[in-house]
Protein backbone atom coordinates (compact mmCIF):
# COMPACT_ATOMS: atom_id res chain seq x y z
CA MET A 1 205.18 276.92 166.07
CA LEU A 2 203.41 275.58 163.01
CA LYS A 3 205.49 272.80 161.45
CA ALA A 4 203.13 270.65 159.37
CA PHE A 5 200.30 270.84 156.82
CA ILE A 6 198.03 267.78 156.67
CA PHE A 7 195.76 267.55 153.63
CA ASP A 8 192.62 265.58 152.94
CA MET A 9 192.50 264.62 149.26
CA ASP A 10 188.96 264.66 147.80
CA GLY A 11 187.58 268.20 147.74
CA VAL A 12 190.88 269.68 148.97
CA LEU A 13 193.55 268.77 146.43
CA ALA A 14 191.38 266.93 143.93
CA ASP A 15 187.94 267.77 142.56
CA SER A 16 187.14 264.07 142.54
CA GLU A 17 183.98 263.97 144.60
CA ASP A 18 181.70 264.71 141.66
CA LEU A 19 183.52 262.03 139.67
CA SER A 20 183.05 259.57 142.55
CA MET A 21 179.35 260.35 142.85
CA ARG A 22 178.90 259.90 139.11
CA ILE A 23 180.45 256.44 139.29
CA GLY A 24 178.38 255.64 142.38
CA ILE A 25 175.22 256.53 140.46
CA GLU A 26 176.39 254.26 137.63
CA TYR A 27 176.90 251.39 140.06
CA PHE A 28 173.44 251.65 141.61
CA ALA A 29 171.92 251.97 138.14
CA SER A 30 173.64 248.68 137.26
CA ILE A 31 171.64 246.94 140.03
CA GLY A 32 168.40 248.70 139.16
CA ILE A 33 168.48 251.48 141.76
CA ALA A 34 168.02 255.14 140.80
CA ALA A 35 170.39 257.24 142.90
CA GLY A 36 171.30 260.93 142.77
CA ARG A 37 174.17 263.07 144.00
CA GLU A 38 172.23 264.16 147.06
CA ASP A 39 172.09 260.52 148.18
CA PHE A 40 175.90 260.49 148.42
CA ARG A 41 176.71 263.96 149.80
CA PRO A 42 176.09 263.15 153.51
CA PHE A 43 178.60 260.29 153.27
CA LEU A 44 181.48 262.14 151.61
CA GLY A 45 184.71 261.84 153.55
CA MET A 46 183.70 258.64 155.34
CA GLY A 47 185.70 256.20 153.25
CA GLU A 48 184.68 253.97 150.38
CA GLU A 49 182.54 251.59 152.40
CA GLY A 50 180.58 254.41 154.00
CA PHE A 51 180.27 256.11 150.60
CA PHE A 52 178.34 253.07 149.28
CA ALA A 53 176.72 251.69 152.45
CA GLY A 54 175.12 255.06 153.33
CA PRO A 55 173.15 255.49 150.09
CA ALA A 56 172.41 251.72 149.96
CA GLY A 57 170.72 251.87 153.35
CA LYS A 58 168.93 255.10 152.50
CA LEU A 59 167.61 253.75 149.20
CA GLY A 60 166.83 250.24 150.47
CA ALA A 61 169.07 248.82 147.76
CA GLU A 62 168.44 245.09 147.51
CA GLY A 63 171.22 243.30 145.72
CA TYR A 64 173.83 245.73 147.04
CA SER A 65 177.23 244.15 147.68
CA TYR A 66 180.11 246.23 148.95
CA SER A 67 182.71 243.99 147.33
CA GLU A 68 180.98 244.29 143.97
CA ALA A 69 180.50 248.03 144.39
CA SER A 70 184.17 248.46 145.30
CA ALA A 71 185.35 246.47 142.27
CA PHE A 72 182.99 248.41 139.95
CA PHE A 73 184.16 251.74 141.41
CA ARG A 74 187.86 250.94 141.12
CA SER A 75 187.60 249.76 137.54
CA ARG A 76 185.63 252.80 136.35
CA TYR A 77 187.64 255.31 138.37
CA LEU A 78 191.00 254.16 137.04
CA GLU A 79 189.53 254.11 133.55
CA ILE A 80 188.55 257.79 133.53
CA VAL A 81 190.51 259.69 136.21
CA GLY A 82 193.54 260.17 133.97
CA ASP A 83 191.42 262.04 131.42
CA SER A 84 189.71 264.19 134.06
CA ARG A 85 190.93 267.61 135.11
CA ILE A 86 190.56 267.20 138.84
CA ALA A 87 193.32 269.39 140.31
CA LEU A 88 191.72 272.04 142.50
CA PRO A 89 193.15 275.60 142.60
CA GLY A 90 196.18 275.77 144.87
CA ALA A 91 197.00 272.04 144.82
CA ASP A 92 200.63 273.00 144.20
CA ILE A 93 200.73 274.26 147.80
CA VAL A 94 201.90 270.76 148.80
CA ARG A 95 205.07 270.96 146.74
CA LYS A 96 205.71 274.58 147.69
CA ALA A 97 205.30 273.88 151.41
CA HIS A 98 207.55 270.82 151.15
CA ARG A 99 210.28 272.89 149.47
CA CYS A 100 209.97 275.59 152.15
CA GLY A 101 210.58 273.13 154.97
CA ILE A 102 206.97 272.59 156.07
CA LEU A 103 206.21 268.93 156.72
CA THR A 104 203.38 267.67 154.48
CA ALA A 105 201.03 264.73 154.90
CA LEU A 106 198.08 263.24 153.05
CA ALA A 107 195.27 261.86 155.23
CA SER A 108 192.61 260.43 152.92
CA SER A 109 189.72 258.16 153.87
CA ALA A 110 189.92 256.65 150.40
CA PRO A 111 191.66 253.33 149.68
CA ARG A 112 195.34 253.66 148.84
CA TRP A 113 194.90 252.94 145.12
CA LYS A 114 192.54 255.88 144.78
CA ALA A 115 194.74 258.24 146.80
CA MET A 116 197.73 257.38 144.62
CA ALA A 117 195.71 257.79 141.41
CA ASN A 118 194.54 261.21 142.58
CA ILE A 119 198.05 262.28 143.57
CA GLU A 120 199.19 261.59 140.02
CA ALA A 121 196.09 263.20 138.48
CA VAL A 122 196.66 266.51 140.30
CA GLY A 123 200.29 266.68 139.19
CA LEU A 124 201.98 265.62 142.43
CA THR A 125 204.05 262.59 143.44
CA ALA A 126 204.31 260.53 146.59
CA ASP A 127 207.68 262.20 147.24
CA ASP A 128 205.90 265.52 147.78
CA PHE A 129 204.48 264.12 151.05
CA ASP A 130 206.37 263.19 154.21
CA SER A 131 203.49 260.86 155.13
CA ILE A 132 200.59 259.27 153.27
CA ALA A 133 197.81 257.69 155.34
CA THR A 134 194.68 256.18 153.79
CA GLY A 135 191.58 254.36 154.95
CA GLU A 136 193.52 251.11 154.72
CA ASP A 137 195.89 252.19 157.49
CA ILE A 138 193.25 252.57 160.20
CA LYS A 139 190.34 250.66 161.68
CA ARG A 140 188.09 253.64 162.34
CA ASN A 141 187.66 256.16 159.55
CA LYS A 142 186.57 259.79 159.73
CA PRO A 143 184.87 261.31 161.72
CA GLU A 144 187.01 259.37 164.21
CA LYS A 145 190.41 260.92 164.93
CA ASP A 146 192.56 257.92 164.02
CA ILE A 147 193.87 259.00 160.61
CA TYR A 148 195.00 262.39 161.86
CA GLU A 149 196.58 260.98 164.99
CA LEU A 150 198.45 258.48 162.79
CA SER A 151 199.66 261.32 160.56
CA LEU A 152 200.92 263.29 163.57
CA ILE A 153 202.83 260.25 164.83
CA ARG A 154 204.41 259.64 161.43
CA LEU A 155 205.41 263.29 161.09
CA GLY A 156 206.73 263.45 164.64
CA VAL A 157 204.84 266.62 165.53
CA ASP A 158 202.37 267.63 168.21
CA ALA A 159 198.79 268.49 167.29
CA SER A 160 199.47 272.13 168.18
CA GLU A 161 202.18 272.19 165.51
CA ALA A 162 199.94 271.05 162.63
CA VAL A 163 197.04 272.43 160.63
CA VAL A 164 194.55 270.21 158.81
CA PHE A 165 192.91 271.15 155.49
CA GLU A 166 189.44 269.61 155.07
CA ASP A 167 186.27 270.10 153.05
CA ALA A 168 183.72 267.77 154.70
CA ALA A 169 182.02 267.86 158.10
CA ALA A 170 183.28 264.36 158.96
CA GLY A 171 186.86 265.37 158.16
CA ILE A 172 186.64 268.61 160.14
CA GLU A 173 185.34 266.66 163.14
CA SER A 174 188.14 264.11 162.72
CA GLY A 175 190.81 266.79 162.72
CA LYS A 176 189.35 268.54 165.76
CA ARG A 177 189.09 265.23 167.66
CA ALA A 178 192.82 264.83 167.04
CA SER A 179 193.27 268.29 168.67
CA CYS A 180 194.48 269.87 165.42
CA ARG A 181 193.48 273.24 164.08
CA VAL A 182 191.40 272.87 160.92
CA ILE A 183 191.06 275.14 157.92
CA ALA A 184 187.98 274.24 155.88
CA LEU A 185 187.51 274.75 152.15
CA THR A 186 184.13 275.70 150.71
CA THR A 187 184.54 273.29 147.80
CA THR A 188 181.95 271.02 149.44
CA LEU A 189 180.53 272.86 152.47
CA ASP A 190 179.36 276.43 152.81
CA ALA A 191 181.19 278.58 155.35
CA ALA A 192 178.44 278.45 157.99
CA SER A 193 178.33 274.64 157.90
CA ALA A 194 182.11 274.48 158.14
CA TYR A 195 182.09 276.65 161.26
CA ASP A 196 179.27 274.59 162.73
CA ALA A 197 181.44 271.50 162.22
CA GLY A 198 184.23 273.14 164.22
CA ALA A 199 186.54 274.70 161.60
CA ASP A 200 189.00 277.29 162.87
CA GLY A 201 189.09 279.10 159.52
CA VAL A 202 187.42 278.95 156.12
CA ILE A 203 188.88 279.63 152.67
CA PRO A 204 187.39 279.13 149.16
CA ASP A 205 190.26 276.84 148.08
CA LEU A 206 193.99 276.40 148.69
CA SER A 207 194.92 279.15 146.24
CA ALA A 208 193.74 281.62 148.90
CA ILE A 209 196.85 280.89 150.96
CA SER A 210 199.29 279.40 148.43
CA GLY A 211 201.04 282.64 147.47
CA PHE A 212 204.02 282.17 149.77
CA SER A 213 207.69 281.82 148.94
CA SER A 214 209.21 281.00 152.33
CA ARG A 215 208.47 278.94 155.44
CA GLU A 216 207.71 282.10 157.41
CA GLU A 217 205.19 283.29 154.82
CA ALA A 218 203.58 279.84 154.65
CA VAL A 219 203.05 279.88 158.41
CA ARG A 220 201.74 283.45 158.36
CA PHE A 221 199.28 282.75 155.54
CA ALA A 222 197.88 279.75 157.43
CA GLU A 223 197.65 281.69 160.68
CA GLU A 224 195.88 284.54 158.90
CA ALA A 225 193.31 282.10 157.51
CA MET A 226 192.46 281.10 161.08
CA LYS A 227 191.68 284.66 162.16
CA ARG A 228 188.21 284.26 160.70
CA MET A 229 185.24 285.20 162.79
CA PRO A 230 181.88 283.42 163.17
CA GLY A 231 179.81 283.99 160.06
CA GLY A 232 182.88 283.76 157.84
CA LYS A 233 184.21 287.29 158.39
CA VAL A 234 187.88 287.96 157.74
CA ARG A 235 190.08 290.88 158.79
CA TYR A 236 191.04 293.09 155.86
CA GLY A 237 193.38 295.66 157.38
CA ALA A 238 191.26 297.55 159.89
CA VAL A 239 187.85 296.11 158.93
CA MET A 240 186.06 292.76 159.10
CA ILE A 241 184.55 291.55 155.81
CA GLU A 242 182.69 288.39 154.83
CA PRO A 243 184.35 287.48 151.51
CA LEU A 244 182.36 286.36 148.51
CA GLU A 245 182.20 282.55 148.57
CA ARG A 246 182.25 281.99 144.82
CA ARG A 247 184.28 284.27 142.58
CA MET A 248 184.77 284.43 138.85
CA PRO A 249 188.08 282.94 137.67
CA ARG A 250 191.04 285.18 138.50
CA SER A 251 191.93 285.56 134.79
CA PHE A 252 188.45 286.94 134.03
CA THR A 253 188.47 289.30 137.04
CA LEU A 254 191.97 290.54 136.21
CA ARG A 255 191.04 291.24 132.59
CA LYS A 256 187.92 293.18 133.62
CA ALA A 257 189.80 295.14 136.28
CA ILE A 258 192.55 296.11 133.83
CA GLU A 259 189.93 297.21 131.31
CA ALA A 260 188.19 299.32 133.99
CA ALA A 261 191.47 300.92 135.11
CA ALA A 262 192.52 301.66 131.52
CA ALA A 263 189.14 303.28 130.78
CA ALA A 264 189.27 305.36 133.98
CA ARG A 265 192.77 306.57 133.04
CA GLU A 266 191.30 308.26 129.96
CA ASN A 267 189.24 310.52 132.28
CA ALA A 268 192.15 311.57 134.50
CA TYR A 269 192.23 315.30 135.33
CA VAL A 270 195.93 316.13 134.96
CA PRO A 271 196.35 319.70 133.61
CA PHE A 272 199.69 320.14 135.41
CA SER A 273 201.63 316.89 135.12
CA ARG A 274 199.86 315.38 132.08
CA TYR A 275 200.54 312.04 133.83
CA ARG A 276 197.42 309.91 133.58
CA VAL A 277 196.80 306.98 135.95
CA GLY A 278 193.79 304.71 136.26
CA ALA A 279 193.01 302.21 139.00
CA ALA A 280 190.41 299.58 139.78
CA VAL A 281 189.46 297.94 143.08
CA VAL A 282 187.86 294.48 143.23
CA SER A 283 185.63 294.14 146.30
CA ALA A 284 186.24 291.01 148.37
CA ALA A 285 182.62 291.04 149.57
CA THR A 286 180.80 291.45 146.25
CA GLY A 287 183.31 290.93 143.43
CA ARG A 288 182.30 294.32 142.01
CA ILE A 289 184.95 296.44 140.29
CA TYR A 290 185.29 300.14 141.16
CA PRO A 291 187.40 302.39 138.90
CA GLY A 292 189.24 305.60 139.75
CA CYS A 293 191.60 308.09 138.12
CA ASN A 294 194.00 310.74 139.40
CA VAL A 295 192.53 314.21 139.94
CA GLU A 296 195.06 317.05 140.25
CA ASN A 297 194.61 320.38 142.01
CA SER A 298 196.14 323.83 141.74
CA SER A 299 197.29 323.22 145.29
CA PHE A 300 199.43 320.20 144.48
CA GLY A 301 199.04 318.64 147.93
CA ALA A 302 195.29 318.34 147.35
CA THR A 303 195.77 316.02 144.36
CA ILE A 304 193.93 312.67 144.63
CA CYS A 305 195.66 309.56 143.28
CA ALA A 306 193.78 307.04 141.16
CA GLU A 307 194.12 304.30 143.78
CA ARG A 308 192.55 306.40 146.52
CA ASN A 309 189.87 307.61 144.12
CA ALA A 310 188.88 303.99 143.35
CA ILE A 311 188.87 303.07 147.04
CA THR A 312 186.69 306.01 148.07
CA THR A 313 184.28 305.18 145.24
CA ALA A 314 184.04 301.61 146.52
CA VAL A 315 183.49 302.79 150.10
CA ALA A 316 180.80 305.22 148.95
CA GLU A 317 178.94 302.30 147.33
CA GLU A 318 179.49 299.50 149.88
CA GLY A 319 180.71 301.09 153.12
CA ALA A 320 183.78 299.48 154.70
CA ILE A 321 185.31 297.23 152.04
CA GLY A 322 187.86 294.48 151.72
CA ILE A 323 190.15 294.67 148.70
CA ASP A 324 190.54 291.36 146.88
CA MET A 325 192.62 292.85 144.05
CA LEU A 326 193.76 296.33 143.02
CA VAL A 327 194.99 297.23 139.53
CA VAL A 328 197.08 300.32 138.74
CA PHE A 329 197.25 301.27 135.04
CA SER A 330 199.89 303.85 134.08
CA GLU A 331 201.85 304.79 130.96
CA ASP A 332 205.22 303.75 132.42
CA ASP A 333 207.41 300.83 131.37
CA PRO A 334 207.79 299.12 133.78
CA PRO A 335 204.38 300.07 135.22
CA ALA A 336 204.37 302.45 138.17
CA PRO A 337 203.53 301.21 141.69
CA PRO A 338 201.23 303.04 144.12
CA CYS A 339 202.83 305.89 146.05
CA ALA A 340 203.53 305.48 149.76
CA ALA A 341 200.38 307.39 150.77
CA CYS A 342 198.22 305.16 148.57
CA LEU A 343 199.83 302.01 149.94
CA GLN A 344 198.88 303.08 153.46
CA VAL A 345 195.27 303.69 152.36
CA ILE A 346 195.21 300.35 150.52
CA ALA A 347 196.46 298.63 153.70
CA GLU A 348 193.48 299.96 155.65
CA PHE A 349 191.23 297.64 153.60
CA SER A 350 193.55 294.81 152.59
CA ARG A 351 195.19 291.62 153.76
CA PRO A 352 198.98 291.06 153.44
CA GLU A 353 198.32 288.74 150.49
CA THR A 354 195.97 291.15 148.68
CA GLU A 355 197.06 291.19 145.02
CA ILE A 356 198.35 294.47 143.58
CA VAL A 357 198.64 294.32 139.78
CA LEU A 358 200.66 296.90 137.84
CA ALA A 359 199.92 297.31 134.13
CA SER A 360 200.52 299.70 131.22
CA PRO A 361 199.58 299.85 127.52
CA GLY A 362 202.77 298.16 126.33
CA THR A 363 203.61 295.94 129.31
CA GLY A 364 201.98 292.76 130.56
CA PRO A 365 200.54 292.84 134.09
CA ARG A 366 202.94 292.36 136.99
CA SER A 367 201.51 290.93 140.19
CA TYR A 368 202.66 291.68 143.75
CA ARG A 369 201.33 291.05 147.24
CA LEU A 370 200.65 294.09 149.40
CA SER A 371 203.19 292.74 151.91
CA GLN A 372 205.89 293.01 149.23
CA LEU A 373 205.14 296.68 148.55
CA LEU A 374 204.35 297.67 152.14
CA PRO A 375 205.73 295.15 154.66
CA MET A 376 204.76 297.09 157.80
CA PRO A 377 201.54 299.12 157.37
CA PHE A 378 200.21 301.14 160.28
CA ILE A 379 196.87 299.91 161.65
CA PHE A 380 195.40 301.82 164.59
CA PRO A 381 196.38 299.89 167.76
CA THR A 382 192.86 299.46 169.16
CA ILE A 383 191.59 297.67 166.02
CA ARG A 384 194.57 295.50 165.07
CA GLY A 385 193.83 291.78 164.59
């Protein structure tokens, strides 16, 4: 039974790696060495000393001093981190998991001062974690297993009862050496590299699994994330899809999908009911938006709902699809949900956390997960995940 979430900091909760590299470049410039971001990337996740020693050796930096570099880095970092927006999407998962009874731990290779500064910068507090381990608590940093083994001991859980969230190859290796399951984020690595490093699952960022409201949902979301196949494919209902790595911001996608659904509604063929509905499907694989409207028939049973119309349009264009988001635009207040038949069709191409958004001309969008609207969809037994 999954009992604990263990988080790396940089690249998982905080978008601080670019900030760190920028300060690293400033330090080397101060001693007359021209460094670039690519000089630092291989050493991300290896602790502060490795972060500086790696590029110094690569660049043949004469005059390099770790103590001076560390002092320079700390001074500049503390000077600017408070004004930087470094919280990554889904960072609030720590507080949500903690409230739901999931044990939470931070396992950062960084020195403690930096970990604490980042915790504050992303809007969390030390009290949101049951354990905080940093590079100062261990002798061997990542990719060695020490920091994750220490976290397990402090939490009082077995490795089989914890999942690690990491973004760097060294961190993934560290978690696997500690016998933990590891979910990788593509904030630093691409999906293929994460799998090569040993990740059990890959997600774009923590917001992909942060939509839970109970311990049971938190566990299920994490377990679902680890059902990923080699090559980054994920089960969406009855099909396997490789999700798009980089999406537009949700707010932009939602606005475009609502616009597409509203426009499709104007073309609805409804000579009998006069009840117009539009829908829009956002493809998980491509990010493309496919609209649909309801099409009635003199034989009422042959009527096609807007949701199914949008889905069949998407399938006609892409083949088997995964639904990242589906919008239903009706004239009701509150907005109407999909009918039972449509929910079953939606489930064929969706994950439990797929977002279903209901909207209407006079009502703001209301968001639901598919699992809320259809808790137990039927998936043909031979192809269930």
